[in-house]
Amino acid sequence: MKFDEFKELLDNNSLSLKDFSDLTSLSYSAVTKWKYLDEMPVWVRSWFEMYEKTKKIDDFKEKLFLFAEEIKKGS
């Protein structure tokens, strides 16, 4: 994965380089150096896949919780 694709994945997930470094426990400077290497570690793509799936599950759980609360109120 090239840096441009990495940046696009960050943008699509509303993450900054700092957010990504915090979430992955990497130093910010290590992540910013990837721009100059223009090659991301192989695990980055799968990390984004799991991040996106987890985010969808969390969103679904929140909607389900709100729906359950509405049902309780209607009972």
PDB file of N, CA and C in Angstrom:
ATOM      1  N   MET A   1       0.851  -1.173   0.000  1.00  0.00           N
ATOM      2  CA  MET A   1       0.000   0.000   0.000  1.00  0.00           C
ATOM      3  C   MET A   1       0.896   1.235   0.000  1.00  0.00           C
ATOM      4  N   LYS A   2       0.570   2.149  -0.879  1.00  0.00           N
ATOM      5  CA  LYS A   2       1.295   3.415  -0.959  1.00  0.00           C
ATOM      6  C   LYS A   2       0.686   4.427   0.009  1.00  0.00           C
ATOM      7  N   PHE A   3       1.436   5.480   0.280  1.00  0.00           N
ATOM      8  CA  PHE A   3       0.986   6.472   1.254  1.00  0.00           C
ATOM      9  C   PHE A   3      -0.322   7.136   0.833  1.00  0.00           C
ATOM     10  N   ASP A   4      -0.507   7.390  -0.458  1.00  0.00           N
ATOM     11  CA  ASP A   4      -1.752   8.026  -0.921  1.00  0.00           C
ATOM     12  C   ASP A   4      -2.976   7.191  -0.554  1.00  0.00           C
ATOM     13  N   GLU A   5      -2.879   5.887  -0.716  1.00  0.00           N
ATOM     14  CA  GLU A   5      -3.990   5.007  -0.352  1.00  0.00           C
ATOM     15  C   GLU A   5      -4.202   5.010   1.165  1.00  0.00           C
ATOM     16  N   PHE A   6      -3.110   5.007   1.902  1.00  0.00           N
ATOM     17  CA  PHE A   6      -3.185   5.088   3.365  1.00  0.00           C
ATOM     18  C   PHE A   6      -3.898   6.368   3.787  1.00  0.00           C
ATOM     19  N   LYS A   7      -3.511   7.483   3.184  1.00  0.00           N
ATOM     20  CA  LYS A   7      -4.132   8.773   3.508  1.00  0.00           C
ATOM     21  C   LYS A   7      -5.621   8.755   3.169  1.00  0.00           C
ATOM     22  N   GLU A   8      -5.972   8.143   2.067  1.00  0.00           N
ATOM     23  CA  GLU A   8      -7.379   8.037   1.671  1.00  0.00           C
ATOM     24  C   GLU A   8      -8.171   7.216   2.693  1.00  0.00           C
ATOM     25  N   LEU A   9      -7.576   6.129   3.180  1.00  0.00           N
ATOM     26  CA  LEU A   9      -8.239   5.321   4.212  1.00  0.00           C
ATOM     27  C   LEU A   9      -8.410   6.115   5.505  1.00  0.00           C
ATOM     28  N   LEU A  10      -7.413   6.898   5.849  1.00  0.00           N
ATOM     29  CA  LEU A  10      -7.545   7.769   7.021  1.00  0.00           C
ATOM     30  C   LEU A  10      -8.710   8.732   6.833  1.00  0.00           C
ATOM     31  N   ASP A  11      -8.737   9.387   5.689  1.00  0.00           N
ATOM     32  CA  ASP A  11      -9.790  10.372   5.409  1.00  0.00           C
ATOM     33  C   ASP A  11     -11.171   9.724   5.409  1.00  0.00           C
ATOM     34  N   ASN A  12     -11.288   8.558   4.775  1.00  0.00           N
ATOM     35  CA  ASN A  12     -12.575   7.857   4.706  1.00  0.00           C
ATOM     36  C   ASN A  12     -13.089   7.449   6.081  1.00  0.00           C
ATOM     37  N   ASN A  13     -12.179   7.289   7.018  1.00  0.00           N
ATOM     38  CA  ASN A  13     -12.555   6.886   8.374  1.00  0.00           C
ATOM     39  C   ASN A  13     -12.482   8.039   9.368  1.00  0.00           C
ATOM     40  N   SER A  14     -12.349   9.246   8.849  1.00  0.00           N
ATOM     41  CA  SER A  14     -12.282  10.464   9.679  1.00  0.00           C
ATOM     42  C   SER A  14     -11.202  10.368  10.753  1.00  0.00           C
ATOM     43  N   LEU A  15     -10.044   9.872  10.342  1.00  0.00           N
ATOM     44  CA  LEU A  15      -8.910   9.742  11.253  1.00  0.00           C
ATOM     45  C   LEU A  15      -7.764  10.626  10.776  1.00  0.00           C
ATOM     46  N   SER A  16      -7.048  11.177  11.715  1.00  0.00           N
ATOM     47  CA  SER A  16      -5.820  11.909  11.399  1.00  0.00           C
ATOM     48  C   SER A  16      -4.637  10.955  11.604  1.00  0.00           C
ATOM     49  N   LEU A  17      -3.467  11.392  11.191  1.00  0.00           N
ATOM     50  CA  LEU A  17      -2.265  10.595  11.462  1.00  0.00           C
ATOM     51  C   LEU A  17      -2.084  10.405  12.966  1.00  0.00           C
ATOM     52  N   LYS A  18      -2.381  11.443  13.723  1.00  0.00           N
ATOM     53  CA  LYS A  18      -2.270  11.372  15.188  1.00  0.00           C
ATOM     54  C   LYS A  18      -3.263  10.358  15.753  1.00  0.00           C
ATOM     55  N   ASP A  19      -4.502  10.391  15.265  1.00  0.00           N
ATOM     56  CA  ASP A  19      -5.498   9.410  15.712  1.00  0.00           C
ATOM     57  C   ASP A  19      -5.000   7.990  15.449  1.00  0.00           C
ATOM     58  N   PHE A  20      -4.501   7.771  14.232  1.00  0.00           N
ATOM     59  CA  PHE A  20      -4.016   6.445  13.862  1.00  0.00           C
ATOM     60  C   PHE A  20      -2.858   6.023  14.760  1.00  0.00           C
ATOM     61  N   SER A  21      -1.930   6.916  14.994  1.00  0.00           N
ATOM     62  CA  SER A  21      -0.785   6.568  15.846  1.00  0.00           C
ATOM     63  C   SER A  21      -1.249   6.244  17.264  1.00  0.00           C
ATOM     64  N   ASP A  22      -2.221   6.985  17.770  1.00  0.00           N
ATOM     65  CA  ASP A  22      -2.754   6.701  19.108  1.00  0.00           C
ATOM     66  C   ASP A  22      -3.466   5.348  19.150  1.00  0.00           C
ATOM     67  N   LEU A  23      -4.298   5.078  18.146  1.00  0.00           N
ATOM     68  CA  LEU A  23      -5.060   3.826  18.118  1.00  0.00           C
ATOM     69  C   LEU A  23      -4.172   2.593  17.968  1.00  0.00           C
ATOM     70  N   THR A  24      -3.049   2.751  17.294  1.00  0.00           N
ATOM     71  CA  THR A  24      -2.144   1.626  17.062  1.00  0.00           C
ATOM     72  C   THR A  24      -0.960   1.592  18.031  1.00  0.00           C
ATOM     73  N   SER A  25      -0.903   2.564  18.925  1.00  0.00           N
ATOM     74  CA  SER A  25       0.200   2.673  19.896  1.00  0.00           C
ATOM     75  C   SER A  25       1.562   2.820  19.225  1.00  0.00           C
ATOM     76  N   LEU A  26       1.560   3.452  18.069  1.00  0.00           N
ATOM     77  CA  LEU A  26       2.809   3.771  17.384  1.00  0.00           C
ATOM     78  C   LEU A  26       3.136   5.234  17.641  1.00  0.00           C
ATOM     79  N   SER A  27       4.400   5.547  17.596  1.00  0.00           N
ATOM     80  CA  SER A  27       4.759   6.954  17.761  1.00  0.00           C
ATOM     81  C   SER A  27       4.314   7.727  16.519  1.00  0.00           C
ATOM     82  N   TYR A  28       3.921   8.955  16.742  1.00  0.00           N
ATOM     83  CA  TYR A  28       3.491   9.809  15.637  1.00  0.00           C
ATOM     84  C   TYR A  28       4.617   9.958  14.612  1.00  0.00           C
ATOM     85  N   SER A  29       5.838  10.094  15.085  1.00  0.00           N
ATOM     86  CA  SER A  29       6.968  10.273  14.162  1.00  0.00           C
ATOM     87  C   SER A  29       7.179   9.040  13.288  1.00  0.00           C
ATOM     88  N   ALA A  30       6.941   7.852  13.841  1.00  0.00           N
ATOM     89  CA  ALA A  30       7.081   6.626  13.042  1.00  0.00           C
ATOM     90  C   ALA A  30       6.058   6.608  11.910  1.00  0.00           C
ATOM     91  N   VAL A  31       4.838   7.007  12.231  1.00  0.00           N
ATOM     92  CA  VAL A  31       3.775   7.009  11.222  1.00  0.00           C
ATOM     93  C   VAL A  31       4.042   8.066  10.153  1.00  0.00           C
ATOM     94  N   THR A  32       4.507   9.235  10.548  1.00  0.00           N
ATOM     95  CA  THR A  32       4.762  10.287   9.558  1.00  0.00           C
ATOM     96  C   THR A  32       5.940   9.931   8.647  1.00  0.00           C
ATOM     97  N   LYS A  33       6.857   9.105   9.112  1.00  0.00           N
ATOM     98  CA  LYS A  33       7.992   8.686   8.276  1.00  0.00           C
ATOM     99  C   LYS A  33       7.540   7.811   7.112  1.00  0.00           C
ATOM    100  N   TRP A  34       6.392   7.154   7.259  1.00  0.00           N
ATOM    101  CA  TRP A  34       5.889   6.305   6.178  1.00  0.00           C
ATOM    102  C   TRP A  34       5.671   7.100   4.900  1.00  0.00           C
ATOM    103  N   LYS A  35       5.363   8.377   5.038  1.00  0.00           N
ATOM    104  CA  LYS A  35       5.138   9.214   3.853  1.00  0.00           C
ATOM    105  C   LYS A  35       6.387   9.240   2.975  1.00  0.00           C
ATOM    106  N   TYR A  36       7.539   9.303   3.599  1.00  0.00           N
ATOM    107  CA  TYR A  36       8.786   9.394   2.839  1.00  0.00           C
ATOM    108  C   TYR A  36       9.216   8.041   2.283  1.00  0.00           C
ATOM    109  N   LEU A  37       8.798   6.974   2.947  1.00  0.00           N
ATOM    110  CA  LEU A  37       9.088   5.630   2.445  1.00  0.00           C
ATOM    111  C   LEU A  37       8.115   5.251   1.334  1.00  0.00           C
ATOM    112  N   ASP A  38       6.918   5.856   1.376  1.00  0.00           N
ATOM    113  CA  ASP A  38       5.828   5.609   0.429  1.00  0.00           C
ATOM    114  C   ASP A  38       5.444   4.127   0.360  1.00  0.00           C
ATOM    115  N   GLU A  39       5.646   3.437   1.455  1.00  0.00           N
ATOM    116  CA  GLU A  39       5.244   2.030   1.540  1.00  0.00           C
ATOM    117  C   GLU A  39       4.828   1.761   2.974  1.00  0.00           C
ATOM    118  N   MET A  40       3.593   1.302   3.130  1.00  0.00           N
ATOM    119  CA  MET A  40       3.069   1.038   4.467  1.00  0.00           C
ATOM    120  C   MET A  40       3.393  -0.393   4.881  1.00  0.00           C
ATOM    121  N   PRO A  41       3.502  -0.642   6.175  1.00  0.00           N
ATOM    122  CA  PRO A  41       3.665  -2.022   6.637  1.00  0.00           C
ATOM    123  C   PRO A  41       2.481  -2.873   6.160  1.00  0.00           C
ATOM    124  N   VAL A  42       2.707  -4.152   5.957  1.00  0.00           N
ATOM    125  CA  VAL A  42       1.682  -5.024   5.379  1.00  0.00           C
ATOM    126  C   VAL A  42       0.436  -5.142   6.254  1.00  0.00           C
ATOM    127  N   TRP A  43       0.563  -4.955   7.543  1.00  0.00           N
ATOM    128  CA  TRP A  43      -0.578  -5.121   8.442  1.00  0.00           C
ATOM    129  C   TRP A  43      -1.554  -3.952   8.411  1.00  0.00           C
ATOM    130  N   VAL A  44      -1.184  -2.829   7.815  1.00  0.00           N
ATOM    131  CA  VAL A  44      -2.020  -1.625   7.862  1.00  0.00           C
ATOM    132  C   VAL A  44      -3.357  -1.840   7.150  1.00  0.00           C
ATOM    133  N   ARG A  45      -3.346  -2.500   6.010  1.00  0.00           N
ATOM    134  CA  ARG A  45      -4.591  -2.736   5.275  1.00  0.00           C
ATOM    135  C   ARG A  45      -5.571  -3.560   6.109  1.00  0.00           C
ATOM    136  N   SER A  46      -5.090  -4.633   6.713  1.00  0.00           N
ATOM    137  CA  SER A  46      -5.986  -5.469   7.527  1.00  0.00           C
ATOM    138  C   SER A  46      -6.437  -4.725   8.781  1.00  0.00           C
ATOM    139  N   TRP A  47      -5.610  -3.845   9.308  1.00  0.00           N
ATOM    140  CA  TRP A  47      -6.024  -3.046  10.465  1.00  0.00           C
ATOM    141  C   TRP A  47      -7.228  -2.183  10.087  1.00  0.00           C
ATOM    142  N   PHE A  48      -7.162  -1.542   8.921  1.00  0.00           N
ATOM    143  CA  PHE A  48      -8.287  -0.714   8.480  1.00  0.00           C
ATOM    144  C   PHE A  48      -9.536  -1.555   8.234  1.00  0.00           C
ATOM    145  N   GLU A  49      -9.369  -2.729   7.663  1.00  0.00           N
ATOM    146  CA  GLU A  49     -10.523  -3.607   7.443  1.00  0.00           C
ATOM    147  C   GLU A  49     -11.204  -3.935   8.765  1.00  0.00           C
ATOM    148  N   MET A  50     -10.433  -4.270   9.773  1.00  0.00           N
ATOM    149  CA  MET A  50     -11.001  -4.593  11.083  1.00  0.00           C
ATOM    150  C   MET A  50     -11.575  -3.347  11.759  1.00  0.00           C
ATOM    151  N   TYR A  51     -10.918  -2.221  11.608  1.00  0.00           N
ATOM    152  CA  TYR A  51     -11.418  -0.968  12.188  1.00  0.00           C
ATOM    153  C   TYR A  51     -12.788  -0.634  11.602  1.00  0.00           C
ATOM    154  N   GLU A  52     -12.907  -0.740  10.283  1.00  0.00           N
ATOM    155  CA  GLU A  52     -14.172  -0.423   9.620  1.00  0.00           C
ATOM    156  C   GLU A  52     -15.275  -1.392  10.033  1.00  0.00           C
ATOM    157  N   LYS A  53     -14.965  -2.676  10.119  1.00  0.00           N
ATOM    158  CA  LYS A  53     -15.956  -3.667  10.552  1.00  0.00           C
ATOM    159  C   LYS A  53     -16.393  -3.405  11.990  1.00  0.00           C
ATOM    160  N   THR A  54     -15.441  -3.129  12.840  1.00  0.00           N
ATOM    161  CA  THR A  54     -15.752  -2.865  14.248  1.00  0.00           C
ATOM    162  C   THR A  54     -16.616  -1.618  14.385  1.00  0.00           C
ATOM    163  N   LYS A  55     -16.314  -0.601  13.600  1.00  0.00           N
ATOM    164  CA  LYS A  55     -17.099   0.634  13.637  1.00  0.00           C
ATOM    165  C   LYS A  55     -18.543   0.362  13.211  1.00  0.00           C
ATOM    166  N   LYS A  56     -18.727  -0.449  12.167  1.00  0.00           N
ATOM    167  CA  LYS A  56     -20.075  -0.800  11.714  1.00  0.00           C
ATOM    168  C   LYS A  56     -20.829  -1.573  12.793  1.00  0.00           C
ATOM    169  N   ILE A  57     -20.151  -2.492  13.448  1.00  0.00           N
ATOM    170  CA  ILE A  57     -20.781  -3.270  14.521  1.00  0.00           C
ATOM    171  C   ILE A  57     -21.166  -2.358  15.675  1.00  0.00           C
ATOM    172  N   ASP A  58     -20.274  -1.459  16.054  1.00  0.00           N
ATOM    173  CA  ASP A  58     -20.576  -0.514  17.139  1.00  0.00           C
ATOM    174  C   ASP A  58     -21.774   0.368  16.790  1.00  0.00           C
ATOM    175  N   ASP A  59     -21.832   0.838  15.546  1.00  0.00           N
ATOM    176  CA  ASP A  59     -22.968   1.656  15.110  1.00  0.00           C
ATOM    177  C   ASP A  59     -24.265   0.857  15.165  1.00  0.00           C
ATOM    178  N   PHE A  60     -24.215  -0.395  14.715  1.00  0.00           N
ATOM    179  CA  PHE A  60     -25.398  -1.255  14.746  1.00  0.00           C
ATOM    180  C   PHE A  60     -25.849  -1.510  16.182  1.00  0.00           C
ATOM    181  N   LYS A  61     -24.902  -1.779  17.070  1.00  0.00           N
ATOM    182  CA  LYS A  61     -25.245  -2.017  18.477  1.00  0.00           C
ATOM    183  C   LYS A  61     -25.911  -0.792  19.093  1.00  0.00           C
ATOM    184  N   GLU A  62     -25.424   0.383  18.761  1.00  0.00           N
ATOM    185  CA  GLU A  62     -26.017   1.617  19.279  1.00  0.00           C
ATOM    186  C   GLU A  62     -27.453   1.776  18.780  1.00  0.00           C
ATOM    187  N   LYS A  63     -27.670   1.534  17.487  1.00  0.00           N
ATOM    188  CA  LYS A  63     -29.022   1.622  16.936  1.00  0.00           C
ATOM    189  C   LYS A  63     -29.943   0.581  17.566  1.00  0.00           C
ATOM    190  N   LEU A  64     -29.432  -0.611  17.772  1.00  0.00           N
ATOM    191  CA  LEU A  64     -30.217  -1.674  18.392  1.00  0.00           C
ATOM    192  C   LEU A  64     -30.582  -1.306  19.825  1.00  0.00           C
ATOM    193  N   PHE A  65     -29.646  -0.739  20.559  1.00  0.00           N
ATOM    194  CA  PHE A  65     -29.899  -0.303  21.930  1.00  0.00           C
ATOM    195  C   PHE A  65     -30.985   0.773  21.957  1.00  0.00           C
ATOM    196  N   LEU A  66     -30.877   1.752  21.065  1.00  0.00           N
ATOM    197  CA  LEU A  66     -31.883   2.815  21.010  1.00  0.00           C
ATOM    198  C   LEU A  66     -33.257   2.259  20.642  1.00  0.00           C
ATOM    199  N   PHE A  67     -33.287   1.310  19.725  1.00  0.00           N
ATOM    200  CA  PHE A  67     -34.541   0.670  19.338  1.00  0.00           C
ATOM    201  C   PHE A  67     -35.149  -0.074  20.523  1.00  0.00           C
ATOM    202  N   ALA A  68     -34.320  -0.790  21.271  1.00  0.00           N
ATOM    203  CA  ALA A  68     -34.800  -1.518  22.452  1.00  0.00           C
ATOM    204  C   ALA A  68     -35.351  -0.554  23.491  1.00  0.00           C
ATOM    205  N   GLU A  69     -34.717   0.588  23.661  1.00  0.00           N
ATOM    206  CA  GLU A  69     -35.201   1.601  24.601  1.00  0.00           C
ATOM    207  C   GLU A  69     -36.566   2.136  24.171  1.00  0.00           C
ATOM    208  N   GLU A  70     -36.739   2.350  22.878  1.00  0.00           N
ATOM    209  CA  GLU A  70     -38.026   2.829  22.367  1.00  0.00           C
ATOM    210  C   GLU A  70     -39.123   1.795  22.606  1.00  0.00           C
ATOM    211  N   ILE A  71     -38.798   0.533  22.429  1.00  0.00           N
ATOM    212  CA  ILE A  71     -39.771  -0.536  22.672  1.00  0.00           C
ATOM    213  C   ILE A  71     -40.168  -0.559  24.143  1.00  0.00           C
ATOM    214  N   LYS A  72     -39.178  -0.403  25.032  1.00  0.00           N
ATOM    215  CA  LYS A  72     -39.471  -0.389  26.473  1.00  0.00           C
ATOM    216  C   LYS A  72     -40.407   0.759  26.832  1.00  0.00           C
ATOM    217  N   LYS A  73     -40.181   1.911  26.225  1.00  0.00           N
ATOM    218  CA  LYS A  73     -41.022   3.077  26.506  1.00  0.00           C
ATOM    219  C   LYS A  73     -42.456   2.844  26.036  1.00  0.00           C
ATOM    220  N   GLY A  74     -42.597   2.111  24.947  1.00  0.00           N
ATOM    221  CA  GLY A  74     -43.918   1.850  24.395  1.00  0.00           C
ATOM    222  C   GLY A  74     -44.690   0.781  25.142  1.00  0.00           C
ATOM    223  N   SER A  75     -44.015   0.027  25.995  1.00  0.00           N
ATOM    224  CA  SER A  75     -44.685  -1.068  26.716  1.00  0.00           C
ATOM    225  C   SER A  75     -45.505  -0.583  27.870  1.00  0.00           C
TER     226      SER A  75
END
